[in-house]
Amino acid sequence: MARQLHERLSPADASNVVMDARDQVNTFLMAGLLGQGGFIDSEGIANLPLLRSRIAVRLAEGQPGLRRFAQRVAHEGQSPVWEPCVPDLTWHVRTVPSVEGTVGLAALCADLMTTPLPVDRPLWELLLVPGAAPRGLGLVLRVHHACLLYTSPSPRDGLLSRMPSSA
């Protein structure tokens, strides 16, 4: 029997990845407006190298909640699996063409919700959107549902031993 090299996708996540199409995009999206501060200068311009370097540090720390942000979907035989990779932060964190105010940001978000994420890279993107706010930027984070990590109590955690019995 062949040894499994990578973690398999759960059946629900595998079906969500396979079913992605323009009429069924299995992502969630969060959008907001950013003003001056952090990686946004006083003119409302983003310092992309700074933002990317901070994200790279977080990903390199290996925080459990960000694990899927450094994995892509691959296949071992017929099974989809999570394969570790180094995300191309120039693609994942990028500026998109300017929009006209919050109406333009909303239109962009609507379009993104009918555009599947490419499966040859980690299933997320962080988009900076000029024109969405005066002297600031719009921000759109899109993440595939399969990237969400759900945890449940395990007997090894000792949590179940503290739960009252149903008997």
Foldseek 3Di string as FASTA:
>chain_A
DDDDDFAFQDPVLVVQVVPQALVRAQKDKDKDWDADDDQQHQQADGPLVNVLVVVQVVVVVVDVQCVLQQWFWDDDVPTTGTHGHHAPQPFQEHEDEAAAEQVRVVVVVVNVRSPYADRVGRFKHWYWHHNHDRNHTMIMIMGGPSSGDDDDDDVVVVVVVPDDDPD
